[in-house]
N, C-alpha and C. Protein backbone atom coordinates (compact mmCIF):
# COMPACT_ATOMS: atom_id res chain seq x y z
N MET A 1 -126.19 -9.64 108.86
CA MET A 1 -125.74 -8.32 109.27
C MET A 1 -126.62 -7.21 108.68
N LYS A 2 -127.04 -7.41 107.44
CA LYS A 2 -127.88 -6.40 106.82
C LYS A 2 -129.23 -6.30 107.50
N SER A 3 -129.76 -7.41 107.97
CA SER A 3 -131.07 -7.38 108.62
C SER A 3 -131.00 -6.64 109.95
N VAL A 4 -129.87 -6.72 110.64
CA VAL A 4 -129.71 -5.98 111.91
C VAL A 4 -129.68 -4.49 111.64
N ASN A 5 -128.96 -4.06 110.60
CA ASN A 5 -128.92 -2.64 110.25
C ASN A 5 -130.28 -2.13 109.80
N ARG A 6 -131.00 -2.94 109.05
CA ARG A 6 -132.35 -2.54 108.62
C ARG A 6 -133.28 -2.41 109.82
N LEU A 7 -133.17 -3.35 110.74
CA LEU A 7 -134.00 -3.31 111.94
C LEU A 7 -133.67 -2.07 112.77
N ARG A 8 -132.39 -1.79 112.93
CA ARG A 8 -131.97 -0.61 113.70
C ARG A 8 -132.45 0.68 113.03
N LEU A 9 -132.33 0.75 111.72
CA LEU A 9 -132.81 1.92 110.98
C LEU A 9 -134.33 2.06 111.09
N GLY A 10 -135.03 0.95 111.00
CA GLY A 10 -136.48 0.98 111.12
C GLY A 10 -136.93 1.44 112.50
N ILE A 11 -136.25 0.98 113.54
CA ILE A 11 -136.59 1.42 114.90
C ILE A 11 -136.28 2.90 115.06
N ASN A 12 -135.16 3.35 114.53
CA ASN A 12 -134.78 4.76 114.62
C ASN A 12 -135.83 5.65 113.95
N VAL A 13 -136.24 5.29 112.76
CA VAL A 13 -137.24 6.08 112.04
C VAL A 13 -138.59 6.02 112.76
N SER A 14 -138.95 4.86 113.27
CA SER A 14 -140.23 4.72 113.98
C SER A 14 -140.27 5.59 115.23
N ILE A 15 -139.18 5.62 115.98
CA ILE A 15 -139.12 6.46 117.17
C ILE A 15 -139.18 7.93 116.78
N ARG A 16 -138.51 8.31 115.72
CA ARG A 16 -138.56 9.70 115.27
C ARG A 16 -139.96 10.11 114.83
N VAL A 17 -140.65 9.23 114.12
CA VAL A 17 -142.02 9.52 113.69
C VAL A 17 -142.92 9.67 114.90
N LEU A 18 -142.82 8.75 115.84
CA LEU A 18 -143.64 8.81 117.05
C LEU A 18 -143.37 10.07 117.84
N PHE A 19 -142.09 10.41 118.00
CA PHE A 19 -141.76 11.60 118.76
C PHE A 19 -142.14 12.87 118.00
N ALA A 20 -142.04 12.85 116.69
CA ALA A 20 -142.46 14.02 115.92
C ALA A 20 -143.96 14.26 116.07
N LEU A 21 -144.74 13.20 116.08
CA LEU A 21 -146.19 13.35 116.23
C LEU A 21 -146.58 13.75 117.66
N VAL A 22 -146.19 12.94 118.62
CA VAL A 22 -146.61 13.16 120.01
C VAL A 22 -145.85 14.32 120.63
N GLY A 23 -144.54 14.32 120.48
CA GLY A 23 -143.73 15.40 121.06
C GLY A 23 -144.00 16.74 120.41
N GLY A 24 -144.20 16.74 119.10
CA GLY A 24 -144.52 17.98 118.41
C GLY A 24 -145.85 18.55 118.86
N TYR A 25 -146.81 17.68 119.06
CA TYR A 25 -148.13 18.11 119.55
C TYR A 25 -148.00 18.72 120.94
N ALA A 26 -147.27 18.05 121.82
CA ALA A 26 -147.11 18.55 123.19
C ALA A 26 -146.36 19.88 123.21
N VAL A 27 -145.28 19.98 122.46
CA VAL A 27 -144.49 21.21 122.43
C VAL A 27 -145.30 22.36 121.82
N ALA A 28 -146.05 22.07 120.77
CA ALA A 28 -146.85 23.11 120.13
C ALA A 28 -147.93 23.63 121.08
N ASN A 29 -148.56 22.73 121.82
CA ASN A 29 -149.59 23.17 122.76
C ASN A 29 -149.01 23.92 123.95
N LEU A 30 -147.91 23.43 124.50
CA LEU A 30 -147.26 24.15 125.60
C LEU A 30 -146.77 25.52 125.15
N GLY A 31 -146.21 25.57 123.96
CA GLY A 31 -145.75 26.85 123.42
C GLY A 31 -146.89 27.81 123.18
N ALA A 32 -148.02 27.30 122.70
CA ALA A 32 -149.18 28.16 122.44
C ALA A 32 -149.73 28.74 123.74
N VAL A 33 -149.82 27.93 124.77
CA VAL A 33 -150.32 28.41 126.06
C VAL A 33 -149.37 29.44 126.66
N ALA A 34 -148.07 29.15 126.62
CA ALA A 34 -147.10 30.09 127.17
C ALA A 34 -147.09 31.40 126.38
N PHE A 35 -147.16 31.28 125.06
CA PHE A 35 -147.15 32.47 124.22
C PHE A 35 -148.40 33.31 124.42
N ALA A 36 -149.55 32.66 124.56
CA ALA A 36 -150.80 33.39 124.79
C ALA A 36 -150.77 34.10 126.13
N ALA A 37 -150.16 33.49 127.13
CA ALA A 37 -150.09 34.11 128.45
C ALA A 37 -149.12 35.29 128.46
N LEU A 38 -148.12 35.26 127.61
CA LEU A 38 -147.12 36.33 127.59
C LEU A 38 -147.52 37.52 126.72
N LEU A 39 -148.42 37.33 125.78
CA LEU A 39 -148.78 38.42 124.87
C LEU A 39 -149.61 39.49 125.58
N PRO A 40 -149.28 40.75 125.35
CA PRO A 40 -150.05 41.83 125.98
C PRO A 40 -151.26 42.24 125.14
N LEU A 41 -152.04 41.28 124.72
CA LEU A 41 -153.24 41.52 123.91
C LEU A 41 -154.46 41.06 124.69
N SER A 42 -155.63 41.31 124.13
CA SER A 42 -156.82 40.76 124.75
C SER A 42 -156.76 39.23 124.67
N GLN A 43 -157.55 38.55 125.46
CA GLN A 43 -157.47 37.09 125.52
C GLN A 43 -157.79 36.44 124.17
N VAL A 44 -158.75 37.00 123.47
CA VAL A 44 -159.14 36.44 122.18
C VAL A 44 -158.02 36.61 121.16
N ASP A 45 -157.46 37.81 121.08
CA ASP A 45 -156.38 38.06 120.13
C ASP A 45 -155.13 37.24 120.47
N ALA A 46 -154.81 37.17 121.75
CA ALA A 46 -153.65 36.38 122.16
C ALA A 46 -153.84 34.90 121.82
N ALA A 47 -155.05 34.40 122.00
CA ALA A 47 -155.32 33.00 121.66
C ALA A 47 -155.19 32.76 120.16
N LEU A 48 -155.72 33.67 119.37
CA LEU A 48 -155.63 33.51 117.91
C LEU A 48 -154.18 33.55 117.43
N VAL A 49 -153.42 34.49 117.93
CA VAL A 49 -152.02 34.61 117.50
C VAL A 49 -151.23 33.40 117.96
N SER A 50 -151.45 32.95 119.19
CA SER A 50 -150.67 31.83 119.72
C SER A 50 -151.01 30.53 119.00
N VAL A 51 -152.25 30.35 118.58
CA VAL A 51 -152.60 29.14 117.82
C VAL A 51 -151.90 29.15 116.47
N GLN A 52 -151.83 30.31 115.83
CA GLN A 52 -151.11 30.40 114.56
C GLN A 52 -149.62 30.13 114.74
N VAL A 53 -149.05 30.63 115.82
CA VAL A 53 -147.64 30.37 116.10
C VAL A 53 -147.40 28.89 116.41
N SER A 54 -148.39 28.25 117.02
CA SER A 54 -148.22 26.84 117.38
C SER A 54 -148.07 25.96 116.14
N PHE A 55 -148.71 26.32 115.02
CA PHE A 55 -148.54 25.55 113.79
C PHE A 55 -147.08 25.63 113.30
N ALA A 56 -146.51 26.80 113.37
CA ALA A 56 -145.10 26.96 112.99
C ALA A 56 -144.19 26.21 113.95
N LEU A 57 -144.52 26.25 115.23
CA LEU A 57 -143.72 25.54 116.23
C LEU A 57 -143.78 24.04 116.00
N TYR A 58 -144.94 23.52 115.68
CA TYR A 58 -145.10 22.10 115.39
C TYR A 58 -144.24 21.70 114.19
N ALA A 59 -144.28 22.53 113.14
CA ALA A 59 -143.46 22.25 111.96
C ALA A 59 -141.98 22.28 112.29
N CYS A 60 -141.57 23.22 113.12
CA CYS A 60 -140.16 23.30 113.53
C CYS A 60 -139.73 22.06 114.31
N VAL A 61 -140.60 21.56 115.17
CA VAL A 61 -140.27 20.35 115.93
C VAL A 61 -140.12 19.16 115.00
N VAL A 62 -141.02 19.03 114.04
CA VAL A 62 -140.93 17.91 113.09
C VAL A 62 -139.63 18.00 112.29
N VAL A 63 -139.29 19.17 111.82
CA VAL A 63 -138.05 19.34 111.07
C VAL A 63 -136.85 19.03 111.96
N TRP A 64 -136.88 19.50 113.21
CA TRP A 64 -135.77 19.26 114.14
C TRP A 64 -135.59 17.76 114.37
N VAL A 65 -136.68 17.05 114.59
CA VAL A 65 -136.59 15.62 114.91
C VAL A 65 -135.97 14.84 113.75
N PHE A 66 -136.30 15.20 112.53
CA PHE A 66 -135.79 14.44 111.39
C PHE A 66 -134.45 14.94 110.86
N THR A 67 -133.99 16.11 111.30
CA THR A 67 -132.68 16.57 110.85
C THR A 67 -131.59 16.41 111.90
N ALA A 68 -131.96 16.02 113.09
CA ALA A 68 -130.95 15.80 114.14
C ALA A 68 -130.06 14.63 113.74
N ARG A 69 -128.78 14.75 114.08
CA ARG A 69 -127.82 13.72 113.65
C ARG A 69 -128.04 12.38 114.35
N ASN A 70 -128.40 12.42 115.62
CA ASN A 70 -128.68 11.16 116.30
C ASN A 70 -129.99 11.26 117.07
N LEU A 71 -130.45 10.14 117.52
CA LEU A 71 -131.75 10.08 118.18
C LEU A 71 -131.78 10.85 119.48
N TRP A 72 -130.65 10.90 120.17
CA TRP A 72 -130.57 11.62 121.44
C TRP A 72 -130.91 13.10 121.25
N TRP A 73 -130.30 13.75 120.29
CA TRP A 73 -130.58 15.17 120.05
C TRP A 73 -131.96 15.40 119.46
N ALA A 74 -132.47 14.42 118.76
CA ALA A 74 -133.82 14.54 118.22
C ALA A 74 -134.86 14.62 119.33
N ILE A 75 -134.58 13.97 120.44
CA ILE A 75 -135.51 13.96 121.57
C ILE A 75 -135.22 15.09 122.55
N VAL A 76 -133.95 15.38 122.81
CA VAL A 76 -133.58 16.37 123.81
C VAL A 76 -133.94 17.80 123.39
N GLY A 77 -133.82 18.13 122.12
CA GLY A 77 -134.12 19.48 121.66
C GLY A 77 -135.56 19.92 121.95
N PRO A 78 -136.56 19.19 121.46
CA PRO A 78 -137.94 19.57 121.76
C PRO A 78 -138.29 19.44 123.24
N LEU A 79 -137.70 18.48 123.94
CA LEU A 79 -137.96 18.37 125.38
C LEU A 79 -137.44 19.58 126.13
N GLY A 80 -136.34 20.15 125.66
CA GLY A 80 -135.83 21.38 126.28
C GLY A 80 -136.82 22.52 126.14
N VAL A 81 -137.46 22.62 124.99
CA VAL A 81 -138.48 23.66 124.80
C VAL A 81 -139.67 23.41 125.73
N ALA A 82 -140.07 22.15 125.85
CA ALA A 82 -141.20 21.82 126.73
C ALA A 82 -140.85 22.08 128.19
N VAL A 83 -139.64 21.77 128.58
CA VAL A 83 -139.21 22.03 129.97
C VAL A 83 -139.15 23.53 130.24
N PHE A 84 -138.80 24.31 129.25
CA PHE A 84 -138.79 25.76 129.42
C PHE A 84 -140.20 26.33 129.49
N CYS A 85 -141.11 25.83 128.68
CA CYS A 85 -142.47 26.37 128.63
C CYS A 85 -143.29 26.01 129.86
N SER A 86 -143.08 24.86 130.43
CA SER A 86 -143.89 24.42 131.56
C SER A 86 -143.81 25.34 132.77
N PRO A 87 -142.62 25.72 133.26
CA PRO A 87 -142.58 26.64 134.40
C PRO A 87 -143.14 28.02 134.06
N VAL A 88 -142.97 28.46 132.83
CA VAL A 88 -143.53 29.75 132.43
C VAL A 88 -145.04 29.71 132.55
N ILE A 89 -145.64 28.64 132.10
CA ILE A 89 -147.09 28.50 132.19
C ILE A 89 -147.54 28.45 133.65
N ILE A 90 -146.84 27.67 134.45
CA ILE A 90 -147.22 27.54 135.86
C ILE A 90 -147.10 28.88 136.58
N LEU A 91 -146.02 29.61 136.35
CA LEU A 91 -145.84 30.90 137.03
C LEU A 91 -146.87 31.93 136.57
N LEU A 92 -147.14 31.97 135.29
CA LEU A 92 -148.11 32.94 134.79
C LEU A 92 -149.53 32.62 135.23
N LEU A 93 -149.87 31.35 135.28
CA LEU A 93 -151.20 30.99 135.75
C LEU A 93 -151.34 31.22 137.25
N ALA A 94 -150.28 30.96 138.00
CA ALA A 94 -150.32 31.23 139.45
C ALA A 94 -150.48 32.71 139.72
N GLU A 95 -149.83 33.53 138.90
CA GLU A 95 -149.95 34.99 139.04
C GLU A 95 -151.37 35.45 138.74
N ARG A 96 -151.98 34.88 137.71
CA ARG A 96 -153.33 35.29 137.34
C ARG A 96 -154.35 34.80 138.38
N LEU A 97 -154.15 33.62 138.91
CA LEU A 97 -155.10 33.08 139.88
C LEU A 97 -154.88 33.65 141.29
N GLY A 98 -153.65 33.98 141.58
CA GLY A 98 -153.32 34.43 142.94
C GLY A 98 -153.50 35.87 143.11
């Protein structure tokens, strides 16, 4: 019985680590692009500010993933941010290109 609990805990932690790395990277980049597109600054200044904000966003995602009570909320929280940022990026880029 103890080996099953250890295995389950190991899988839980492994999934959280993987999602913190990959999901945090994706959310930080999507957030940086969306934030840079929304800032009313020159392109260079907006890029610099959004890259700095992306480091904080990445840290927030990592903290969220490891403090969530269960694995479901650890994954759904950052995915919600990514789902919100994606249409913002698409709409803003379509506006700039169109």
